[in-house]
Amino acid sequence: MRNPILVLALSAVLGTGLSTAVAAGETVDVYKSPNCGCCGKWVDHLKNAGFEVRSHNVMDVTAARKQLGMPDRLGSCHTAKVAGYVVEGHVPVADIQRLLKEKPKALGIAVPSMPPGSPGMESPKPVPYNTLLVQAGGETSVFAKH
């Protein structure tokens, strides 16, 4: 292919298909409080990206987090599980897709607390935040900066 426009267009189409393919067929189990509105917005964020989501309303999100092995110090208002990984808090879909594509040896990823501007916590005054890669022993490293 020598036509650069055709190559660019084909790359864009294939790239889009790959990111959607990472989400397609993956089911995310979300453990959240039945009274939390921002958790529902995060679930919508996942569904809009093509994930199948099963929401589980629990009265004790902390207990669900603990059962999945995520350290309390990394806690947020909801915990999820996808493809064997734990996803804590308002993690952007792009980070989840990257996790599923790269398949690092880890417990999962987390966005501790509830940073304004993260998915489900939209705000006119967003703050910078990091998505952390969490190891089984609780050690963390920065996975993505937002």
N, C-alpha and C. Protein backbone atom coordinates (compact mmCIF):
# COMPACT_ATOMS: atom_id res chain seq x y z
N MET A 1 0.84 -1.18 0.00
CA MET A 1 0.00 0.00 0.00
C MET A 1 0.88 1.24 0.00
N ARG A 2 0.76 1.99 -1.03
CA ARG A 2 1.59 3.19 -1.14
C ARG A 2 0.80 4.46 -0.94
N ASN A 3 -0.50 4.35 -0.83
CA ASN A 3 -1.34 5.52 -0.63
C ASN A 3 -1.37 5.84 0.86
N PRO A 4 -0.71 6.95 1.29
CA PRO A 4 -0.63 7.24 2.73
C PRO A 4 -1.98 7.50 3.37
N ILE A 5 -2.92 8.06 2.63
CA ILE A 5 -4.25 8.33 3.20
C ILE A 5 -4.96 7.01 3.45
N LEU A 6 -4.86 6.08 2.52
CA LEU A 6 -5.48 4.78 2.69
C LEU A 6 -4.85 4.03 3.87
N VAL A 7 -3.54 4.09 3.99
CA VAL A 7 -2.85 3.46 5.10
C VAL A 7 -3.30 4.06 6.43
N LEU A 8 -3.40 5.38 6.49
CA LEU A 8 -3.86 6.05 7.71
C LEU A 8 -5.28 5.64 8.06
N ALA A 9 -6.16 5.64 7.07
CA ALA A 9 -7.55 5.28 7.31
C ALA A 9 -7.66 3.83 7.79
N LEU A 10 -6.93 2.94 7.14
CA LEU A 10 -6.94 1.54 7.53
C LEU A 10 -6.40 1.34 8.94
N SER A 11 -5.35 2.06 9.27
CA SER A 11 -4.78 1.99 10.62
C SER A 11 -5.78 2.45 11.66
N ALA A 12 -6.50 3.52 11.36
CA ALA A 12 -7.49 4.05 12.30
C ALA A 12 -8.61 3.04 12.53
N VAL A 13 -9.08 2.43 11.45
CA VAL A 13 -10.16 1.45 11.56
C VAL A 13 -9.69 0.23 12.35
N LEU A 14 -8.52 -0.29 12.02
CA LEU A 14 -8.00 -1.46 12.73
C LEU A 14 -7.72 -1.14 14.19
N GLY A 15 -7.17 0.02 14.47
CA GLY A 15 -6.88 0.41 15.85
C GLY A 15 -8.14 0.49 16.68
N THR A 16 -9.21 1.07 16.09
CA THR A 16 -10.48 1.16 16.80
C THR A 16 -11.04 -0.23 17.06
N GLY A 17 -10.94 -1.09 16.08
CA GLY A 17 -11.44 -2.45 16.23
C GLY A 17 -10.72 -3.21 17.31
N LEU A 18 -9.41 -2.99 17.44
CA LEU A 18 -8.63 -3.69 18.45
C LEU A 18 -9.02 -3.26 19.85
N SER A 19 -9.20 -1.94 20.08
CA SER A 19 -9.55 -1.50 21.43
C SER A 19 -10.95 -1.98 21.81
N THR A 20 -11.87 -2.01 20.84
CA THR A 20 -13.20 -2.51 21.11
C THR A 20 -13.15 -4.02 21.35
N ALA A 21 -12.29 -4.72 20.61
CA ALA A 21 -12.18 -6.16 20.77
C ALA A 21 -11.70 -6.53 22.17
N VAL A 22 -10.86 -5.68 22.75
CA VAL A 22 -10.38 -5.95 24.11
C VAL A 22 -11.54 -5.90 25.09
N ALA A 23 -12.50 -5.00 24.85
CA ALA A 23 -13.65 -4.89 25.74
C ALA A 23 -14.73 -5.91 25.41
N ALA A 24 -14.90 -6.21 24.12
CA ALA A 24 -15.98 -7.10 23.70
C ALA A 24 -15.79 -8.47 24.33
N GLY A 25 -16.87 -8.97 24.90
CA GLY A 25 -16.82 -10.29 25.48
C GLY A 25 -16.33 -10.33 26.92
N GLU A 26 -15.80 -9.25 27.42
CA GLU A 26 -15.34 -9.22 28.81
C GLU A 26 -16.48 -8.76 29.71
N THR A 27 -16.71 -9.49 30.76
CA THR A 27 -17.73 -9.12 31.74
C THR A 27 -17.04 -8.53 32.96
N VAL A 28 -17.55 -7.39 33.39
CA VAL A 28 -17.03 -6.73 34.58
C VAL A 28 -18.08 -6.88 35.69
N ASP A 29 -17.68 -7.46 36.81
CA ASP A 29 -18.54 -7.54 37.98
C ASP A 29 -18.20 -6.36 38.88
N VAL A 30 -19.19 -5.50 39.13
CA VAL A 30 -18.98 -4.29 39.92
C VAL A 30 -19.72 -4.43 41.25
N TYR A 31 -18.97 -4.22 42.33
CA TYR A 31 -19.53 -4.29 43.69
C TYR A 31 -19.61 -2.86 44.20
N LYS A 32 -20.85 -2.39 44.43
CA LYS A 32 -21.06 -0.99 44.77
C LYS A 32 -22.22 -0.85 45.74
N SER A 33 -22.28 0.31 46.36
CA SER A 33 -23.40 0.64 47.23
C SER A 33 -24.63 0.92 46.36
N PRO A 34 -25.80 0.50 46.81
CA PRO A 34 -27.01 0.79 46.01
C PRO A 34 -27.35 2.28 45.99
N ASN A 35 -26.74 3.06 46.86
CA ASN A 35 -27.07 4.48 46.98
C ASN A 35 -26.06 5.42 46.35
N CYS A 36 -25.10 4.89 45.61
CA CYS A 36 -24.02 5.72 45.08
C CYS A 36 -24.26 6.06 43.61
N GLY A 37 -24.48 7.33 43.32
CA GLY A 37 -24.74 7.78 41.95
C GLY A 37 -23.51 7.75 41.07
N CYS A 38 -22.35 8.09 41.63
CA CYS A 38 -21.14 8.13 40.80
C CYS A 38 -20.73 6.73 40.35
N CYS A 39 -21.05 5.72 41.14
CA CYS A 39 -20.76 4.34 40.74
C CYS A 39 -21.58 3.97 39.50
N GLY A 40 -22.84 4.40 39.48
CA GLY A 40 -23.69 4.16 38.32
C GLY A 40 -23.14 4.85 37.07
N LYS A 41 -22.59 6.04 37.24
CA LYS A 41 -21.99 6.74 36.10
C LYS A 41 -20.75 6.00 35.59
N TRP A 42 -19.97 5.42 36.50
CA TRP A 42 -18.80 4.65 36.10
C TRP A 42 -19.22 3.37 35.35
N VAL A 43 -20.28 2.74 35.81
CA VAL A 43 -20.83 1.55 35.13
C VAL A 43 -21.23 1.94 33.70
N ASP A 44 -21.89 3.09 33.54
CA ASP A 44 -22.27 3.56 32.21
C ASP A 44 -21.03 3.79 31.34
N HIS A 45 -19.96 4.33 31.94
CA HIS A 45 -18.69 4.55 31.24
C HIS A 45 -18.17 3.22 30.66
N LEU A 46 -18.27 2.15 31.43
CA LEU A 46 -17.83 0.83 30.98
C LEU A 46 -18.73 0.29 29.86
N LYS A 47 -20.04 0.41 30.07
CA LYS A 47 -21.00 -0.09 29.07
C LYS A 47 -20.83 0.64 27.74
N ASN A 48 -20.61 1.95 27.80
CA ASN A 48 -20.44 2.74 26.58
C ASN A 48 -19.20 2.31 25.80
N ALA A 49 -18.25 1.68 26.47
CA ALA A 49 -17.03 1.20 25.81
C ALA A 49 -17.16 -0.25 25.33
N GLY A 50 -18.31 -0.87 25.57
CA GLY A 50 -18.53 -2.21 25.06
C GLY A 50 -18.38 -3.33 26.08
N PHE A 51 -18.12 -2.99 27.33
CA PHE A 51 -18.03 -4.03 28.35
C PHE A 51 -19.43 -4.47 28.75
N GLU A 52 -19.56 -5.76 29.04
CA GLU A 52 -20.78 -6.25 29.69
C GLU A 52 -20.56 -6.05 31.18
N VAL A 53 -21.54 -5.48 31.86
CA VAL A 53 -21.37 -5.16 33.29
C VAL A 53 -22.48 -5.83 34.09
N ARG A 54 -22.06 -6.49 35.17
CA ARG A 54 -23.01 -7.02 36.14
C ARG A 54 -22.79 -6.23 37.43
N SER A 55 -23.80 -5.46 37.81
CA SER A 55 -23.71 -4.67 39.05
C SER A 55 -24.24 -5.47 40.21
N HIS A 56 -23.47 -5.48 41.29
CA HIS A 56 -23.87 -6.16 42.52
C HIS A 56 -23.97 -5.09 43.61
N ASN A 57 -25.18 -4.80 44.06
CA ASN A 57 -25.36 -3.85 45.15
C ASN A 57 -25.02 -4.55 46.46
N VAL A 58 -24.03 -4.01 47.16
CA VAL A 58 -23.61 -4.58 48.43
C VAL A 58 -23.68 -3.51 49.50
N MET A 59 -23.95 -3.91 50.70
CA MET A 59 -24.04 -2.94 51.79
C MET A 59 -22.66 -2.62 52.36
N ASP A 60 -21.67 -3.47 52.10
CA ASP A 60 -20.34 -3.28 52.64
C ASP A 60 -19.29 -3.42 51.53
N VAL A 61 -19.01 -2.30 50.86
CA VAL A 61 -18.04 -2.31 49.76
C VAL A 61 -16.65 -2.65 50.29
N THR A 62 -16.34 -2.22 51.50
CA THR A 62 -15.04 -2.51 52.11
C THR A 62 -14.82 -4.01 52.22
N ALA A 63 -15.85 -4.75 52.62
CA ALA A 63 -15.74 -6.20 52.73
C ALA A 63 -15.55 -6.84 51.35
N ALA A 64 -16.24 -6.33 50.34
CA ALA A 64 -16.08 -6.85 48.98
C ALA A 64 -14.65 -6.59 48.50
N ARG A 65 -14.14 -5.40 48.76
CA ARG A 65 -12.76 -5.05 48.38
C ARG A 65 -11.78 -6.00 49.05
N LYS A 66 -11.98 -6.22 50.35
CA LYS A 66 -11.08 -7.09 51.11
C LYS A 66 -11.11 -8.52 50.56
N GLN A 67 -12.31 -9.01 50.25
CA GLN A 67 -12.46 -10.36 49.72
C GLN A 67 -11.72 -10.52 48.39
N LEU A 68 -11.65 -9.46 47.59
CA LEU A 68 -10.96 -9.52 46.30
C LEU A 68 -9.46 -9.26 46.43
N GLY A 69 -9.02 -8.87 47.65
CA GLY A 69 -7.59 -8.71 47.90
C GLY A 69 -7.02 -7.33 47.70
N MET A 70 -7.87 -6.34 47.41
CA MET A 70 -7.38 -4.97 47.21
C MET A 70 -7.17 -4.32 48.58
N PRO A 71 -5.99 -3.74 48.81
CA PRO A 71 -5.71 -3.09 50.10
C PRO A 71 -6.66 -1.91 50.35
N ASP A 72 -7.09 -1.78 51.60
CA ASP A 72 -8.01 -0.69 51.98
C ASP A 72 -7.44 0.69 51.68
N ARG A 73 -6.12 0.85 51.79
CA ARG A 73 -5.52 2.17 51.56
C ARG A 73 -5.69 2.64 50.12
N LEU A 74 -6.07 1.73 49.22
CA LEU A 74 -6.30 2.08 47.81
C LEU A 74 -7.79 2.17 47.50
N GLY A 75 -8.62 2.14 48.53
CA GLY A 75 -10.06 2.06 48.36
C GLY A 75 -10.72 3.27 47.75
N SER A 76 -11.88 2.98 47.17
CA SER A 76 -12.75 3.99 46.59
C SER A 76 -14.18 3.57 46.92
N CYS A 77 -15.14 4.03 46.14
CA CYS A 77 -16.54 3.73 46.46
C CYS A 77 -17.06 2.47 45.80
N HIS A 78 -16.28 1.87 44.88
CA HIS A 78 -16.69 0.60 44.26
C HIS A 78 -15.46 -0.21 43.89
N THR A 79 -15.66 -1.50 43.80
CA THR A 79 -14.61 -2.45 43.43
C THR A 79 -15.17 -3.33 42.31
N ALA A 80 -14.31 -3.70 41.38
CA ALA A 80 -14.77 -4.53 40.27
C ALA A 80 -13.76 -5.66 40.00
N LYS A 81 -14.21 -6.62 39.24
CA LYS A 81 -13.37 -7.75 38.84
C LYS A 81 -13.61 -7.99 37.35
N VAL A 82 -12.51 -8.11 36.59
CA VAL A 82 -12.60 -8.40 35.17
C VAL A 82 -11.40 -9.25 34.76
N ALA A 83 -11.67 -10.35 34.10
CA ALA A 83 -10.63 -11.23 33.57
C ALA A 83 -9.56 -11.58 34.61
N GLY A 84 -9.99 -11.80 35.85
CA GLY A 84 -9.05 -12.17 36.90
C GLY A 84 -8.36 -11.00 37.59
N TYR A 85 -8.59 -9.78 37.13
CA TYR A 85 -7.99 -8.59 37.74
C TYR A 85 -9.02 -7.85 38.60
N VAL A 86 -8.54 -7.19 39.65
CA VAL A 86 -9.37 -6.33 40.47
C VAL A 86 -9.19 -4.91 39.97
N VAL A 87 -10.29 -4.18 39.83
CA VAL A 87 -10.27 -2.79 39.39
C VAL A 87 -10.95 -1.98 40.47
N GLU A 88 -10.18 -1.12 41.12
CA GLU A 88 -10.69 -0.34 42.25
C GLU A 88 -10.91 1.11 41.86
N GLY A 89 -12.13 1.59 42.06
CA GLY A 89 -12.41 3.01 41.90
C GLY A 89 -12.69 3.44 40.47
N HIS A 90 -12.57 4.74 40.27
CA HIS A 90 -12.97 5.39 39.02
C HIS A 90 -11.88 5.30 37.95
N VAL A 91 -11.53 4.08 37.57
CA VAL A 91 -10.48 3.82 36.59
C VAL A 91 -11.03 4.09 35.18
N PRO A 92 -10.31 4.85 34.36
CA PRO A 92 -10.76 5.06 32.98
C PRO A 92 -10.74 3.77 32.16
N VAL A 93 -11.69 3.66 31.23
CA VAL A 93 -11.79 2.48 30.37
C VAL A 93 -10.48 2.22 29.64
N ALA A 94 -9.81 3.25 29.16
CA ALA A 94 -8.56 3.06 28.41
C ALA A 94 -7.53 2.31 29.26
N ASP A 95 -7.51 2.57 30.56
CA ASP A 95 -6.57 1.87 31.44
C ASP A 95 -6.96 0.40 31.60
N ILE A 96 -8.25 0.12 31.68
CA ILE A 96 -8.72 -1.26 31.79
C ILE A 96 -8.39 -2.01 30.50
N GLN A 97 -8.63 -1.37 29.36
CA GLN A 97 -8.32 -2.00 28.08
C GLN A 97 -6.82 -2.29 27.97
N ARG A 98 -6.00 -1.35 28.41
CA ARG A 98 -4.55 -1.57 28.38
C ARG A 98 -4.16 -2.74 29.28
N LEU A 99 -4.75 -2.79 30.48
CA LEU A 99 -4.49 -3.88 31.42
C LEU A 99 -4.81 -5.23 30.77
N LEU A 100 -5.95 -5.32 30.12
CA LEU A 100 -6.38 -6.57 29.49
C LEU A 100 -5.52 -6.92 28.27
N LYS A 101 -5.01 -5.93 27.60
CA LYS A 101 -4.16 -6.17 26.43
C LYS A 101 -2.76 -6.60 26.86
N GLU A 102 -2.17 -5.89 27.84
CA GLU A 102 -0.79 -6.16 28.26
C GLU A 102 -0.68 -7.34 29.21
N LYS A 103 -1.74 -7.62 29.95
CA LYS A 103 -1.78 -8.75 30.90
C LYS A 103 -0.57 -8.80 31.85
N PRO A 104 -0.32 -7.71 32.59
CA PRO A 104 0.81 -7.76 33.52
C PRO A 104 0.52 -8.71 34.67
N LYS A 105 1.58 -9.19 35.29
CA LYS A 105 1.42 -10.03 36.48
C LYS A 105 1.13 -9.06 37.63
N ALA A 106 -0.13 -9.01 38.06
CA ALA A 106 -0.55 -8.06 39.08
C ALA A 106 -1.91 -8.47 39.62
N LEU A 107 -2.26 -7.90 40.77
CA LEU A 107 -3.60 -8.07 41.33
C LEU A 107 -4.59 -7.29 40.48
N GLY A 108 -4.19 -6.06 40.10
CA GLY A 108 -5.10 -5.22 39.32
C GLY A 108 -4.65 -3.79 39.28
N ILE A 109 -5.61 -2.89 39.08
CA ILE A 109 -5.33 -1.45 39.02
C ILE A 109 -6.31 -0.70 39.91
N ALA A 110 -5.89 0.50 40.33
CA ALA A 110 -6.72 1.27 41.25
C ALA A 110 -6.55 2.76 41.04
N VAL A 111 -7.66 3.47 41.20
CA VAL A 111 -7.66 4.92 41.35
C VAL A 111 -8.22 5.16 42.74
N PRO A 112 -7.32 5.34 43.72
CA PRO A 112 -7.78 5.53 45.10
C PRO A 112 -8.62 6.80 45.26
N SER A 113 -9.49 6.75 46.25
CA SER A 113 -10.36 7.88 46.57
C SER A 113 -11.35 8.11 45.43
N MET A 114 -11.73 9.34 45.22
CA MET A 114 -12.71 9.68 44.18
C MET A 114 -12.29 11.00 43.54
N PRO A 115 -11.23 11.00 42.73
CA PRO A 115 -10.72 12.26 42.21
C PRO A 115 -11.68 12.96 41.23
N PRO A 116 -11.93 14.24 41.46
CA PRO A 116 -12.77 15.00 40.53
C PRO A 116 -12.15 14.98 39.13
N GLY A 117 -12.98 14.66 38.14
CA GLY A 117 -12.50 14.58 36.77
C GLY A 117 -12.30 13.16 36.28
N SER A 118 -12.30 12.19 37.20
CA SER A 118 -12.19 10.79 36.78
C SER A 118 -13.56 10.32 36.27
N PRO A 119 -13.63 9.23 35.50
CA PRO A 119 -14.91 8.77 34.97
C PRO A 119 -15.93 8.50 36.07
N GLY A 120 -17.08 9.11 35.93
CA GLY A 120 -18.13 9.01 36.94
C GLY A 120 -18.05 10.14 37.95
N MET A 121 -16.93 10.83 37.98
CA MET A 121 -16.73 11.96 38.91
C MET A 121 -16.44 13.23 38.09
N GLU A 122 -17.12 13.37 36.96
CA GLU A 122 -16.90 14.52 36.10
C GLU A 122 -17.04 15.81 36.91
N SER A 123 -16.19 16.78 36.57
CA SER A 123 -16.14 18.01 37.36
C SER A 123 -15.62 19.16 36.49
N PRO A 124 -16.13 20.37 36.73
CA PRO A 124 -15.57 21.52 36.02
C PRO A 124 -14.15 21.84 36.51
N LYS A 125 -13.77 21.27 37.65
CA LYS A 125 -12.43 21.49 38.21
C LYS A 125 -11.74 20.15 38.44
N PRO A 126 -11.35 19.46 37.34
CA PRO A 126 -10.68 18.16 37.51
C PRO A 126 -9.31 18.34 38.15
N VAL A 127 -8.87 17.30 38.82
CA VAL A 127 -7.54 17.30 39.43
C VAL A 127 -6.71 16.19 38.78
N PRO A 128 -5.40 16.37 38.73
CA PRO A 128 -4.56 15.29 38.21
C PRO A 128 -4.64 14.07 39.15
N TYR A 129 -4.61 12.89 38.57
CA TYR A 129 -4.61 11.67 39.38
C TYR A 129 -3.88 10.58 38.62
N ASN A 130 -3.51 9.52 39.33
CA ASN A 130 -2.83 8.38 38.74
C ASN A 130 -3.67 7.13 38.87
N THR A 131 -3.54 6.26 37.89
CA THR A 131 -4.04 4.89 38.01
C THR A 131 -2.82 4.07 38.43
N LEU A 132 -2.99 3.31 39.49
CA LEU A 132 -1.88 2.53 40.04
C LEU A 132 -1.99 1.06 39.65
N LEU A 133 -0.87 0.45 39.31
CA LEU A 133 -0.79 -0.99 39.12
C LEU A 133 -0.52 -1.57 40.51
N VAL A 134 -1.34 -2.52 40.92
CA VAL A 134 -1.27 -3.07 42.27
C VAL A 134 -0.81 -4.53 42.22
N GLN A 135 0.26 -4.83 42.92
CA GLN A 135 0.79 -6.19 43.00
C GLN A 135 0.05 -6.96 44.09
N ALA A 136 0.16 -8.27 44.07
CA ALA A 136 -0.51 -9.13 45.04
C ALA A 136 -0.15 -8.78 46.48
N GLY A 137 1.09 -8.33 46.72
CA GLY A 137 1.51 -7.97 48.06
C GLY A 137 1.13 -6.55 48.48
N GLY A 138 0.46 -5.81 47.57
CA GLY A 138 0.02 -4.46 47.88
C GLY A 138 0.94 -3.37 47.37
N GLU A 139 2.10 -3.75 46.81
CA GLU A 139 3.00 -2.75 46.27
C GLU A 139 2.34 -2.10 45.04
N THR A 140 2.64 -0.82 44.83
CA THR A 140 2.04 -0.11 43.69
C THR A 140 3.11 0.60 42.86
N SER A 141 2.76 0.84 41.61
CA SER A 141 3.55 1.68 40.72
C SER A 141 2.55 2.42 39.83
N VAL A 142 2.99 3.52 39.25
CA VAL A 142 2.08 4.29 38.40
C VAL A 142 1.88 3.55 37.08
N PHE A 143 0.63 3.30 36.75
CA PHE A 143 0.25 2.62 35.51
C PHE A 143 -0.10 3.65 34.44
N ALA A 144 -0.77 4.74 34.86
CA ALA A 144 -1.16 5.81 33.93
C ALA A 144 -1.34 7.10 34.72
N LYS A 145 -1.04 8.22 34.06
CA LYS A 145 -1.24 9.54 34.65
C LYS A 145 -2.36 10.25 33.91
N HIS A 146 -3.23 10.90 34.67
CA HIS A 146 -4.35 11.62 34.08
C HIS A 146 -4.40 13.04 34.62
